[in-house]
Protein backbone atom coordinates (compact mmCIF):
# COMPACT_ATOMS: atom_id res chain seq x y z
CA LYS A 1 100.22 148.05 14.83
CA PRO A 2 99.71 145.60 17.23
CA GLY A 3 97.59 146.61 19.93
CA ASN A 4 98.06 146.21 24.12
CA TYR A 5 96.91 142.97 25.89
CA PHE A 6 96.24 142.44 29.10
CA LEU A 7 95.25 139.19 31.06
CA SER A 8 93.77 138.94 34.35
CA VAL A 9 92.96 136.33 36.35
CA SER A 10 90.42 136.61 39.24
CA PHE A 11 89.90 134.22 42.48
CA PRO A 12 86.63 135.07 44.07
CA SER A 13 87.44 133.14 47.22
CA LYS A 14 90.90 132.60 47.07
CA THR A 15 91.06 133.15 50.77
CA TYR A 16 88.60 129.82 51.47
CA GLU A 17 90.95 128.05 49.22
CA LEU A 18 94.34 128.13 50.63
CA LEU A 19 92.16 127.45 54.11
CA HIS A 20 90.86 124.99 52.49
CA ARG A 21 93.78 123.54 51.09
CA MET A 22 95.93 124.67 54.26
CA LYS A 23 93.25 122.90 57.00
CA LEU A 24 95.13 119.84 57.58
CA TRP A 25 98.40 121.79 58.41
CA VAL A 26 96.63 124.40 60.35
CA PHE A 27 94.07 121.93 62.30
CA LEU A 28 97.91 119.93 63.48
CA THR A 29 99.63 123.19 64.52
CA VAL A 30 96.53 123.99 66.55
CA LEU A 31 96.53 121.02 68.19
CA PHE A 32 100.07 121.26 68.36
CA LEU A 33 99.97 123.77 70.67
CA VAL A 34 97.32 123.02 72.86
CA ILE A 35 99.24 120.19 73.16
CA LEU A 36 102.09 122.16 74.11
CA ILE A 37 100.52 124.15 76.82
CA ILE A 38 98.48 121.07 78.24
CA SER A 39 102.12 119.67 78.70
CA LEU A 40 103.58 123.36 80.20
CA THR A 41 100.83 123.22 82.64
CA PHE A 42 101.11 119.70 83.49
CA VAL A 43 104.68 119.80 84.09
CA ILE A 44 104.50 123.48 86.14
CA PHE A 45 101.79 121.90 88.55
CA THR A 46 103.68 119.15 88.79
CA LEU A 47 106.53 120.85 90.08
CA LEU A 48 104.83 122.73 92.17
CA HIS A 49 103.00 119.34 94.04
CA GLN A 50 106.54 118.17 93.86
CA LYS A 51 108.06 120.48 95.62
CA LYS A 52 105.21 121.25 97.85
CA ILE A 53 105.73 117.15 99.76
CA SER A 54 109.48 118.27 99.56
CA GLU A 55 108.75 120.99 101.91
CA ILE A 56 106.33 118.81 103.92
CA LYS A 57 108.81 116.07 104.18
CA THR A 58 111.11 117.97 105.13
CA ASP A 59 108.74 119.75 108.24
CA PHE A 60 108.38 116.27 108.90
CA ILE A 61 111.37 114.53 109.21
CA ASN A 62 112.94 117.97 110.78
CA ASN A 63 110.25 117.75 113.43
CA MET A 64 110.37 114.09 113.70
CA THR A 65 114.11 114.50 114.48
CA HIS A 66 112.76 116.76 117.10
CA GLU A 67 110.64 114.98 118.44
CA PHE A 68 112.70 111.44 118.89
CA LYS A 69 115.67 112.81 120.03
CA THR A 70 113.64 115.17 123.20
CA PRO A 71 113.12 112.13 124.96
CA ILE A 72 116.41 110.16 124.48
CA ALA A 73 118.43 113.61 126.07
CA THR A 74 116.14 113.72 128.99
CA SER A 75 116.63 109.75 129.28
CA SER A 76 119.90 110.10 129.29
CA LEU A 77 120.32 112.81 131.49
CA ALA A 78 117.68 111.52 133.78
CA ALA A 79 120.60 107.83 133.77
CA GLU A 80 123.44 110.11 134.26
CA MET A 81 121.81 111.66 137.37
CA ILE A 82 120.90 108.18 139.50
CA GLN A 83 125.06 107.35 138.91
CA ARG A 84 125.40 110.13 140.93
CA GLU A 85 126.82 108.98 144.56
CA GLU A 86 124.94 111.53 146.36
CA VAL A 87 122.06 109.93 144.16
CA ILE A 88 122.19 105.79 144.71
CA VAL A 89 122.12 105.81 148.09
CA ASN A 90 118.34 108.39 147.92
CA PRO A 91 115.82 106.17 146.91
CA LYS A 92 113.46 108.61 146.32
CA LYS A 93 115.15 110.28 143.80
CA ILE A 94 116.17 106.98 142.32
CA ASN A 95 112.31 106.35 141.85
CA LYS A 96 111.49 109.72 140.35
CA TYR A 97 114.59 109.86 137.96
CA ALA A 98 113.37 106.17 136.86
CA ALA A 99 109.81 107.17 136.61
CA ILE A 100 110.86 109.79 134.49
CA ILE A 101 112.78 107.30 132.40
CA LEU A 102 109.52 105.00 131.96
CA ASP A 103 107.80 108.04 130.88
CA GLU A 104 110.48 108.94 128.36
CA ASN A 105 110.07 105.64 126.76
CA ASN A 106 106.61 105.14 127.19
CA ARG A 107 106.66 108.58 124.77
CA LEU A 108 109.11 107.13 122.42
CA GLN A 109 107.10 104.50 121.66
CA ASN A 110 103.84 105.98 121.07
CA GLN A 111 105.74 107.85 118.62
CA VAL A 112 107.05 104.74 116.72
CA GLU A 113 104.20 103.05 117.17
CA GLN A 114 101.58 105.97 115.33
CA VAL A 115 104.61 106.21 112.50
CA LEU A 116 104.17 102.31 112.24
CA GLN A 117 100.22 102.57 112.27
CA ILE A 118 100.26 104.70 109.51
CA ALA A 119 102.54 102.77 107.80
CA ILE A 120 100.26 99.48 107.76
CA LEU A 121 97.79 101.42 107.14
CA GLU A 122 99.02 103.18 103.39
CA SER A 123 100.48 99.71 102.57
CA GLY A 124 96.84 98.59 102.74
CA ASN A 125 98.18 94.99 105.08
CA GLN A 126 96.28 96.26 108.18
CA GLN A 127 93.96 93.09 109.77
CA PHE A 128 91.41 94.58 111.74
CA LYS A 129 89.51 92.71 114.53
CA ILE A 130 86.03 93.74 114.61
CA ARG A 131 84.42 93.12 117.90
CA ARG A 132 81.15 94.27 119.18
CA THR A 133 82.93 97.40 121.80
CA ASN A 134 81.51 99.41 124.06
CA VAL A 135 82.22 103.09 123.97
CA HIS A 136 81.83 104.17 127.09
CA GLU A 137 84.92 101.36 128.45
CA LEU A 138 86.99 102.34 126.13
CA LEU A 139 86.72 106.59 126.89
CA GLU A 140 87.15 105.94 130.49
CA GLY A 141 90.40 104.09 129.48
CA ALA A 142 91.34 106.85 127.71
CA LEU A 143 91.20 109.42 129.58
CA ASN A 144 92.22 107.24 132.52
CA SER A 145 96.34 107.44 130.36
CA PHE A 146 95.03 111.49 130.84
CA GLU A 147 94.93 111.35 134.35
CA LEU A 148 98.60 112.89 135.58
CA ARG A 149 98.37 115.37 132.80
CA ILE A 150 94.18 116.75 133.76
CA LYS A 151 95.44 116.93 137.22
CA GLU A 152 99.26 119.13 136.10
CA GLU A 153 97.28 121.33 134.00
CA LYS A 154 94.91 121.93 136.05
CA ILE A 155 91.56 120.91 132.86
CA LYS A 156 88.42 120.86 133.84
CA LEU A 157 87.17 117.44 132.32
CA LYS A 158 83.02 117.01 131.73
CA LEU A 159 82.84 113.70 131.17
CA LYS A 160 78.73 113.05 130.04
CA LEU A 161 77.99 109.86 128.99
CA SER A 162 74.38 109.55 128.05
CA ALA A 163 73.84 106.79 125.13
CA THR A 164 71.88 104.05 125.89
CA ASN A 165 73.73 101.76 123.49
CA PRO A 166 77.34 102.13 123.45
CA ASN A 167 78.43 99.82 121.44
CA VAL A 168 79.99 99.40 118.32
CA MET A 169 81.51 96.89 115.83
CA ALA A 170 85.14 97.93 115.74
CA ASP A 171 88.27 97.09 116.33
CA LYS A 172 89.13 97.79 120.75
CA VAL A 173 92.41 99.16 119.65
CA HIS A 174 92.46 101.27 117.11
CA LEU A 175 89.29 102.69 118.69
CA LEU A 176 91.14 103.24 121.62
CA ASN A 177 93.73 105.22 119.46
CA ILE A 178 91.21 107.39 117.97
CA PHE A 179 89.71 108.29 121.46
CA TYR A 180 93.60 109.13 122.49
CA ASN A 181 94.56 110.83 119.30
CA LEU A 182 91.34 113.46 120.41
CA ILE A 183 92.05 113.57 123.26
CA ASP A 184 95.42 114.37 123.33
CA ASN A 185 94.90 117.06 120.80
CA ALA A 186 91.66 119.00 123.20
CA ILE A 187 94.73 118.91 125.59
CA LYS A 188 97.84 120.15 123.38
CA TYR A 189 95.58 123.33 121.82
CA THR A 190 94.25 124.06 124.61
CA PRO A 191 96.98 126.33 126.76
CA GLU A 192 94.86 128.80 129.03
CA ASN A 193 92.00 127.27 131.29
CA PRO A 194 91.28 124.10 129.57
CA VAL A 195 87.34 122.95 129.28
CA ILE A 196 87.61 119.37 127.91
CA ILE A 197 84.05 117.88 127.52
CA VAL A 198 83.69 114.61 126.50
CA SER A 199 80.01 113.50 125.96
CA THR A 200 77.50 110.10 124.30
CA TRP A 201 73.76 110.02 122.76
CA ASN A 202 72.06 107.70 120.84
CA GLU A 203 70.75 109.15 117.42
CA ASN A 204 68.63 107.30 114.91
CA ASN A 205 70.25 103.83 115.54
CA ASN A 206 73.83 105.57 115.29
CA ILE A 207 76.27 106.78 118.91
CA LYS A 208 77.48 110.25 118.41
CA ILE A 209 80.75 110.77 120.22
CA SER A 210 82.12 114.23 120.72
CA VAL A 211 84.97 115.47 121.92
CA LYS A 212 85.55 119.58 122.49
CA ASP A 213 87.85 122.20 123.52
CA ASN A 214 87.77 125.75 124.37
CA GLY A 215 90.86 126.06 122.47
CA ILE A 216 92.82 128.09 119.96
CA GLY A 217 90.53 126.61 117.46
CA ILE A 218 91.13 126.30 113.67
CA SER A 219 90.54 128.35 111.03
CA LYS A 220 88.14 127.78 107.60
CA ASP A 221 90.64 127.57 105.40
CA ASN A 222 92.81 125.03 108.01
CA GLN A 223 89.78 123.14 108.50
CA GLN A 224 89.50 121.11 104.41
CA ASN A 225 93.05 119.96 105.12
CA ILE A 226 93.18 118.69 108.58
CA PHE A 227 92.37 115.18 108.00
CA LYS A 228 95.10 114.62 105.57
CA ASN A 229 98.49 113.11 106.26
CA LEU A 230 101.58 115.11 107.44
CA PHE A 231 99.40 118.31 108.30
CA ARG A 232 99.83 120.14 110.87
CA VAL A 233 97.96 124.15 111.48
CA PRO A 234 100.65 126.37 110.99
CA ILE A 235 100.72 127.63 114.17
CA GLY A 236 104.32 129.57 114.06
CA ASN A 237 106.94 128.18 115.44
CA ILE A 238 106.48 124.05 114.27
CA HIS A 239 107.48 122.32 117.74
CA GLU A 240 105.36 124.70 120.09
CA VAL A 241 103.39 122.12 119.88
CA ARG A 242 104.06 118.28 120.15
CA GLY A 243 102.75 116.37 116.61
CA PHE A 244 104.06 114.69 112.82
CA GLY A 245 100.96 115.94 112.11
CA LEU A 246 99.46 112.42 111.51
CA GLY A 247 97.01 112.04 114.22
CA LEU A 248 93.85 112.88 112.77
CA TYR A 249 95.00 111.38 109.14
CA TYR A 250 95.11 108.38 111.27
CA VAL A 251 91.48 109.19 112.97
CA LYS A 252 90.04 109.59 109.76
CA THR A 253 91.71 106.54 108.07
CA VAL A 254 90.53 104.58 110.53
CA ILE A 255 86.92 105.82 111.14
CA ASP A 256 86.06 105.29 107.41
CA GLN A 257 87.31 102.39 107.86
CA PHE A 258 84.76 101.16 110.92
CA GLY A 259 82.04 102.68 108.30
CA GLY A 260 81.72 105.94 110.43
CA LYS A 261 82.14 109.45 110.50
CA ILE A 262 84.34 112.84 111.72
CA LYS A 263 82.65 116.09 111.59
CA LEU A 264 84.71 119.31 112.78
CA THR A 265 83.25 121.76 114.43
CA SER A 266 85.75 124.83 114.83
CA ASP A 267 86.26 128.42 114.76
CA LEU A 268 89.55 130.62 116.38
CA GLY A 269 90.19 130.98 119.87
CA LYS A 270 86.54 129.40 120.66
CA GLY A 271 88.16 125.65 120.34
CA SER A 272 86.86 122.63 118.08
CA ASP A 273 84.61 119.93 119.01
CA PHE A 274 85.42 116.78 116.76
CA GLU A 275 82.07 114.74 116.77
CA LEU A 276 82.49 111.41 115.84
CA SER A 277 79.33 108.86 114.48
CA PHE A 278 79.26 105.20 114.30
CA ARG A 279 76.29 102.43 114.06
CA SER A 280 75.09 101.31 117.50
CA SER A 281 75.83 97.22 117.24
CA THR A 282 73.29 94.99 119.21
CA ILE A 283 74.88 92.06 117.54
CA LYS A 284 76.22 89.56 120.21
CA THR A 285 79.52 88.07 119.58
């Protein structure tokens, strides 16, 4: 009678052996999952970024349309008033409405110029005319253009030009635009009892320029974005304060081109202080 026989086979390292044979496929699978996760994250990030850019551009276009529409409408209304019979015979009223048209036209021209300047700077085709420039003369010139607004809005302006060497190597036109932007912002964002202090001093072969106000201030969260293109500090109604969100971006871009620096110190409800620093020039050109 034949006996019962049993055959048994033992694989002491079967797990290792299987993994060893499948290691290439395991590696490829893990690699594929990593690539898939990275790709998905990148796509989500790109979509969110594009959405944010789209919202910023939409806000910019809406704001720009509003800013362009206002001076055009005001100029049209003033022109219609001049055509009225009772106004034609009154030289004082004609001069009044003509001045309104001129002011609104200059405002519209400045807005268009600001947009064009940013476009030229970003294209890299801007040719700066670097010359020895007197900062004090430019500051006084910029403040003269705000003379009427300063009187109408009862702004207390303090001018402290203490720099003994006010000369820098820069483009006169663009440096004047920088001062104009900073002073304009100080006025716009100081709605009550405005006090604006413009000062200069020399420090370590540099000239420092400060434009300080006692306005609404800028929160810490927004300060890191304040110099970005098209960024506007959210203050509720986007049309409450005029602007495209280009001014400070332009200021920072031009200052970098001149080798200068700009620093912001601000607290909500306590105002803002924009401090510029340029290398003083002793070169005669």
